[in-house]
Amino acid sequence: MRKALYILGELDDRDIGWLARNGATRTLAKGEQLITAGREVRDLYFVTEGELVVSTPGGSRLSTMAIGDVVGEMSFVEKRLPSASVTAIAASQVLAVPREALLAVFEQDPGFAARFYRALAIFLSDRLRSATTEGAAGDELDEGLLDTLQQAGDRFVRLMNLLGGREH
């Protein structure tokens, strides 16, 4: 959930509404592959339910993704084919936002683009810091996140309500 807070803490309410309107929920059965190594990724995914595993083509487990994680962000930023696969290890749901739709809205709304790329940079920085820091220091929350924690949590609830049709 912490990863979602990094993203949602940087976006504004209009951005959240846009993601909900332009993304589509996708349900994955246990064992279903979301991303396949070496195959183009056309969407950016936000995990809204369940658990997924990231693994190498040889089967080595790299990490586990859960609610609030972003998947496909490396291919989104680099536009390269993924080097790992992502598979549901439990029944899961993701919000799939088309890459092309995001790029199109960024052209029309540079503010959204700036907020989104800043959020992605913070998210990726935290992932790298967690992977390279031992012990509790890697689990500490960024002070900037603490400032926006309540608002980010509210935005996550709003996004889930929008996706569930409980809010318009």
C-alpha atoms as a PDB file:
ATOM      1  CA  MET A   1       0.000   0.000   0.000  1.00  0.00           C
ATOM      2  CA  ARG A   2       2.940   2.316   0.671  1.00  0.00           C
ATOM      3  CA  LYS A   3       3.755   2.443  -3.054  1.00  0.00           C
ATOM      4  CA  ALA A   4       0.268   3.701  -3.902  1.00  0.00           C
ATOM      5  CA  LEU A   5       0.725   6.450  -1.345  1.00  0.00           C
ATOM      6  CA  TYR A   6       3.851   7.690  -3.106  1.00  0.00           C
ATOM      7  CA  ILE A   7       1.944   7.924  -6.378  1.00  0.00           C
ATOM      8  CA  LEU A   8      -1.354   9.257  -5.048  1.00  0.00           C
ATOM      9  CA  GLY A   9       0.343  11.749  -2.758  1.00  0.00           C
ATOM     10  CA  GLU A  10       1.749  13.536  -5.799  1.00  0.00           C
ATOM     11  CA  LEU A  11      -1.327  13.414  -8.039  1.00  0.00           C
ATOM     12  CA  ASP A  12      -4.373  15.634  -7.575  1.00  0.00           C
ATOM     13  CA  ASP A  13      -8.064  14.727  -7.495  1.00  0.00           C
ATOM     14  CA  ARG A  14      -8.536  15.450 -11.220  1.00  0.00           C
ATOM     15  CA  ASP A  15      -5.671  13.077 -12.033  1.00  0.00           C
ATOM     16  CA  ILE A  16      -7.301  10.325  -9.954  1.00  0.00           C
ATOM     17  CA  GLY A  17     -10.602  10.864 -11.772  1.00  0.00           C
ATOM     18  CA  TRP A  18      -8.838  10.659 -15.126  1.00  0.00           C
ATOM     19  CA  LEU A  19      -7.141   7.370 -14.190  1.00  0.00           C
ATOM     20  CA  ALA A  20     -10.460   5.873 -13.090  1.00  0.00           C
ATOM     21  CA  ARG A  21     -12.265   7.027 -16.253  1.00  0.00           C
ATOM     22  CA  ASN A  22      -9.564   5.977 -18.699  1.00  0.00           C
ATOM     23  CA  GLY A  23      -8.337   2.803 -17.072  1.00  0.00           C
ATOM     24  CA  ALA A  24     -10.098  -0.546 -17.072  1.00  0.00           C
ATOM     25  CA  THR A  25     -10.182  -3.063 -14.275  1.00  0.00           C
ATOM     26  CA  ARG A  26      -8.846  -6.469 -15.160  1.00  0.00           C
ATOM     27  CA  THR A  27      -9.332  -9.573 -13.066  1.00  0.00           C
ATOM     28  CA  LEU A  28      -6.591 -12.196 -12.963  1.00  0.00           C
ATOM     29  CA  ALA A  29      -7.013 -15.800 -11.867  1.00  0.00           C
ATOM     30  CA  LYS A  30      -4.320 -17.432  -9.769  1.00  0.00           C
ATOM     31  CA  GLY A  31      -1.512 -18.417 -12.153  1.00  0.00           C
ATOM     32  CA  GLU A  32      -2.542 -15.963 -14.891  1.00  0.00           C
ATOM     33  CA  GLN A  33       0.287 -13.951 -16.401  1.00  0.00           C
ATOM     34  CA  LEU A  34      -0.108 -10.168 -16.582  1.00  0.00           C
ATOM     35  CA  ILE A  35       3.255  -9.376 -18.170  1.00  0.00           C
ATOM     36  CA  THR A  36       5.460 -11.757 -20.130  1.00  0.00           C
ATOM     37  CA  ALA A  37       9.206 -11.194 -20.398  1.00  0.00           C
ATOM     38  CA  GLY A  38      10.152 -10.112 -23.905  1.00  0.00           C
ATOM     39  CA  ARG A  39       6.599  -9.089 -24.918  1.00  0.00           C
ATOM     40  CA  GLU A  40       5.400  -5.527 -25.359  1.00  0.00           C
ATOM     41  CA  VAL A  41       3.564  -3.929 -22.440  1.00  0.00           C
ATOM     42  CA  ARG A  42       0.831  -1.554 -23.591  1.00  0.00           C
ATOM     43  CA  ASP A  43      -0.613  -0.642 -20.197  1.00  0.00           C
ATOM     44  CA  LEU A  44       0.544   0.645 -16.863  1.00  0.00           C
ATOM     45  CA  TYR A  45      -1.026  -1.375 -14.054  1.00  0.00           C
ATOM     46  CA  PHE A  46      -2.059  -0.432 -10.532  1.00  0.00           C
ATOM     47  CA  VAL A  47      -2.661  -3.458  -8.293  1.00  0.00           C
ATOM     48  CA  THR A  48      -6.033  -2.963  -6.606  1.00  0.00           C
ATOM     49  CA  GLU A  49      -6.470  -6.449  -5.153  1.00  0.00           C
ATOM     50  CA  GLY A  50      -4.487  -9.663  -4.686  1.00  0.00           C
ATOM     51  CA  GLU A  51      -0.843 -10.530  -5.079  1.00  0.00           C
ATOM     52  CA  LEU A  52       1.494 -10.963  -8.034  1.00  0.00           C
ATOM     53  CA  VAL A  53       5.024 -12.276  -8.356  1.00  0.00           C
ATOM     54  CA  VAL A  54       7.779 -10.842 -10.568  1.00  0.00           C
ATOM     55  CA  SER A  55      10.115 -13.527 -11.884  1.00  0.00           C
ATOM     56  CA  THR A  56      12.909 -13.994 -14.395  1.00  0.00           C
ATOM     57  CA  PRO A  57      12.449 -16.156 -17.496  1.00  0.00           C
ATOM     58  CA  GLY A  58      14.453 -18.807 -15.605  1.00  0.00           C
ATOM     59  CA  GLY A  59      11.900 -18.812 -12.801  1.00  0.00           C
ATOM     60  CA  SER A  60      13.817 -16.895 -10.114  1.00  0.00           C
ATOM     61  CA  ARG A  61      11.475 -14.838  -7.958  1.00  0.00           C
ATOM     62  CA  LEU A  62      12.489 -11.176  -7.875  1.00  0.00           C
ATOM     63  CA  SER A  63       9.691  -9.595  -5.849  1.00  0.00           C
ATOM     64  CA  THR A  64       6.060  -9.729  -4.866  1.00  0.00           C
ATOM     65  CA  MET A  65       3.528  -7.050  -5.777  1.00  0.00           C
ATOM     66  CA  ALA A  66       0.416  -6.337  -3.739  1.00  0.00           C
ATOM     67  CA  ILE A  67      -2.329  -3.741  -3.398  1.00  0.00           C
ATOM     68  CA  GLY A  68      -1.039  -0.301  -4.275  1.00  0.00           C
ATOM     69  CA  ASP A  69       1.946  -1.443  -6.316  1.00  0.00           C
ATOM     70  CA  VAL A  70       2.539  -0.221  -9.851  1.00  0.00           C
ATOM     71  CA  VAL A  71       3.435  -2.801 -12.495  1.00  0.00           C
ATOM     72  CA  GLY A  72       4.823  -2.152 -15.968  1.00  0.00           C
ATOM     73  CA  GLU A  73       6.366   1.167 -14.976  1.00  0.00           C
ATOM     74  CA  MET A  74       9.821   0.304 -16.308  1.00  0.00           C
ATOM     75  CA  SER A  75       8.470  -0.440 -19.794  1.00  0.00           C
ATOM     76  CA  PHE A  76       6.364   2.717 -19.551  1.00  0.00           C
ATOM     77  CA  VAL A  77       9.365   4.904 -18.774  1.00  0.00           C
ATOM     78  CA  GLU A  78      11.891   3.203 -21.065  1.00  0.00           C
ATOM     79  CA  LYS A  79       9.574   1.795 -23.754  1.00  0.00           C
ATOM     80  CA  ARG A  80      11.666  -1.377 -23.702  1.00  0.00           C
ATOM     81  CA  LEU A  81      10.446  -4.918 -23.568  1.00  0.00           C
ATOM     82  CA  PRO A  82      10.225  -6.309 -20.038  1.00  0.00           C
ATOM     83  CA  SER A  83      12.997  -8.566 -18.788  1.00  0.00           C
ATOM     84  CA  ALA A  84      10.746 -10.254 -16.222  1.00  0.00           C
ATOM     85  CA  SER A  85       7.257 -11.756 -16.106  1.00  0.00           C
ATOM     86  CA  VAL A  86       4.489 -10.863 -13.678  1.00  0.00           C
ATOM     87  CA  THR A  87       2.046 -13.592 -12.629  1.00  0.00           C
ATOM     88  CA  ALA A  88      -0.888 -13.609 -10.214  1.00  0.00           C
ATOM     89  CA  ILE A  89      -0.160 -15.870  -7.229  1.00  0.00           C
ATOM     90  CA  ALA A  90      -3.666 -15.263  -5.897  1.00  0.00           C
ATOM     91  CA  ALA A  91      -6.877 -14.043  -7.508  1.00  0.00           C
ATOM     92  CA  SER A  92      -6.056 -10.412  -8.282  1.00  0.00           C
ATOM     93  CA  GLN A  93      -7.356  -7.255  -9.865  1.00  0.00           C
ATOM     94  CA  VAL A  94      -5.483  -4.419 -11.550  1.00  0.00           C
ATOM     95  CA  LEU A  95      -6.388  -1.073 -13.013  1.00  0.00           C
ATOM     96  CA  ALA A  96      -4.929  -1.115 -16.535  1.00  0.00           C
ATOM     97  CA  VAL A  97      -4.252   2.362 -17.936  1.00  0.00           C
ATOM     98  CA  PRO A  98      -3.277   2.429 -21.626  1.00  0.00           C
ATOM     99  CA  ARG A  99       0.167   3.876 -22.256  1.00  0.00           C
ATOM    100  CA  GLU A 100      -1.041   5.761 -25.322  1.00  0.00           C
ATOM    101  CA  ALA A 101      -3.887   7.400 -23.394  1.00  0.00           C
ATOM    102  CA  LEU A 102      -1.480   8.558 -20.698  1.00  0.00           C
ATOM    103  CA  LEU A 103       0.944   9.991 -23.242  1.00  0.00           C
ATOM    104  CA  ALA A 104      -1.914  11.776 -25.030  1.00  0.00           C
ATOM    105  CA  VAL A 105      -3.231  13.399 -21.841  1.00  0.00           C
ATOM    106  CA  PHE A 106       0.313  14.428 -20.892  1.00  0.00           C
ATOM    107  CA  GLU A 107       0.541  16.364 -24.163  1.00  0.00           C
ATOM    108  CA  GLN A 108      -2.619  18.281 -23.269  1.00  0.00           C
ATOM    109  CA  ASP A 109      -1.970  18.641 -19.525  1.00  0.00           C
ATOM    110  CA  PRO A 110       1.710  19.227 -18.728  1.00  0.00           C
ATOM    111  CA  GLY A 111       0.836  19.636 -15.040  1.00  0.00           C
ATOM    112  CA  PHE A 112      -0.548  16.089 -14.910  1.00  0.00           C
ATOM    113  CA  ALA A 113       2.572  14.860 -16.719  1.00  0.00           C
ATOM    114  CA  ALA A 114       4.860  16.612 -14.225  1.00  0.00           C
ATOM    115  CA  ARG A 115       2.959  15.262 -11.212  1.00  0.00           C
ATOM    116  CA  PHE A 116       2.825  11.758 -12.688  1.00  0.00           C
ATOM    117  CA  TYR A 117       6.508  11.539 -13.604  1.00  0.00           C
ATOM    118  CA  ARG A 118       7.507  12.992 -10.209  1.00  0.00           C
ATOM    119  CA  ALA A 119       5.343  10.352  -8.515  1.00  0.00           C
ATOM    120  CA  LEU A 120       6.919   7.625 -10.641  1.00  0.00           C
ATOM    121  CA  ALA A 121      10.423   8.912  -9.847  1.00  0.00           C
ATOM    122  CA  ILE A 122       9.667   8.835  -6.100  1.00  0.00           C
ATOM    123  CA  PHE A 123       8.182   5.349  -6.438  1.00  0.00           C
ATOM    124  CA  LEU A 124      11.215   4.021  -8.335  1.00  0.00           C
ATOM    125  CA  SER A 125      13.638   5.749  -5.968  1.00  0.00           C
ATOM    126  CA  ASP A 126      11.930   4.096  -2.994  1.00  0.00           C
ATOM    127  CA  ARG A 127      12.077   0.709  -4.719  1.00  0.00           C
ATOM    128  CA  LEU A 128      15.806   1.081  -5.358  1.00  0.00           C
ATOM    129  CA  ARG A 129      16.463   2.359  -1.829  1.00  0.00           C
ATOM    130  CA  SER A 130      14.529  -0.589  -0.339  1.00  0.00           C
ATOM    131  CA  ALA A 131      16.485  -3.046  -2.489  1.00  0.00           C
ATOM    132  CA  THR A 132      19.865  -1.613  -1.524  1.00  0.00           C
ATOM    133  CA  THR A 133      19.347  -0.710   2.152  1.00  0.00           C
ATOM    134  CA  GLU A 134      19.622  -3.264   4.906  1.00  0.00           C
ATOM    135  CA  GLY A 135      17.371  -3.452   7.916  1.00  0.00           C
ATOM    136  CA  ALA A 136      14.834  -0.969   9.179  1.00  0.00           C
ATOM    137  CA  ALA A 137      16.406   2.013   7.389  1.00  0.00           C
ATOM    138  CA  GLY A 138      14.988   0.732   4.101  1.00  0.00           C
ATOM    139  CA  ASP A 139      11.490   0.634   5.599  1.00  0.00           C
ATOM    140  CA  GLU A 140      11.402   4.234   6.828  1.00  0.00           C
ATOM    141  CA  LEU A 141       8.794   6.485   5.245  1.00  0.00           C
ATOM    142  CA  ASP A 142      10.003   9.532   3.370  1.00  0.00           C
ATOM    143  CA  GLU A 143       9.253  12.813   5.187  1.00  0.00           C
ATOM    144  CA  GLY A 144       7.561  14.162   2.061  1.00  0.00           C
ATOM    145  CA  LEU A 145       5.206  11.181   2.097  1.00  0.00           C
ATOM    146  CA  LEU A 146       4.359  11.785   5.735  1.00  0.00           C
ATOM    147  CA  ASP A 147       3.175  15.280   4.782  1.00  0.00           C
ATOM    148  CA  THR A 148       0.703  13.894   2.240  1.00  0.00           C
ATOM    149  CA  LEU A 149      -0.157  10.548   3.871  1.00  0.00           C
ATOM    150  CA  GLN A 150      -3.758  11.382   4.821  1.00  0.00           C
ATOM    151  CA  GLN A 151      -4.502  12.950   1.447  1.00  0.00           C
ATOM    152  CA  ALA A 152      -2.915  10.031  -0.412  1.00  0.00           C
ATOM    153  CA  GLY A 153      -4.969   7.544   1.622  1.00  0.00           C
ATOM    154  CA  ASP A 154      -8.149   9.498   0.856  1.00  0.00           C
ATOM    155  CA  ARG A 155      -7.277   9.481  -2.854  1.00  0.00           C
ATOM    156  CA  PHE A 156      -6.731   5.717  -2.799  1.00  0.00           C
ATOM    157  CA  VAL A 157     -10.171   5.231  -1.227  1.00  0.00           C
ATOM    158  CA  ARG A 158     -11.651   7.590  -3.841  1.00  0.00           C
ATOM    159  CA  LEU A 159      -9.993   5.670  -6.687  1.00  0.00           C
ATOM    160  CA  MET A 160     -11.357   2.369  -5.339  1.00  0.00           C
ATOM    161  CA  ASN A 161     -14.828   3.935  -5.005  1.00  0.00           C
ATOM    162  CA  LEU A 162     -14.694   5.292  -8.557  1.00  0.00           C
ATOM    163  CA  LEU A 163     -13.649   1.892  -9.899  1.00  0.00           C
ATOM    164  CA  GLY A 164     -16.373   0.179  -7.903  1.00  0.00           C
ATOM    165  CA  GLY A 165     -19.043   2.589  -9.163  1.00  0.00           C
ATOM    166  CA  ARG A 166     -19.655   3.913  -5.649  1.00  0.00           C
ATOM    167  CA  GLU A 167     -18.627   7.455  -6.590  1.00  0.00           C
ATOM    168  CA  HIS A 168     -18.966   9.550  -9.741  1.00  0.00           C
END
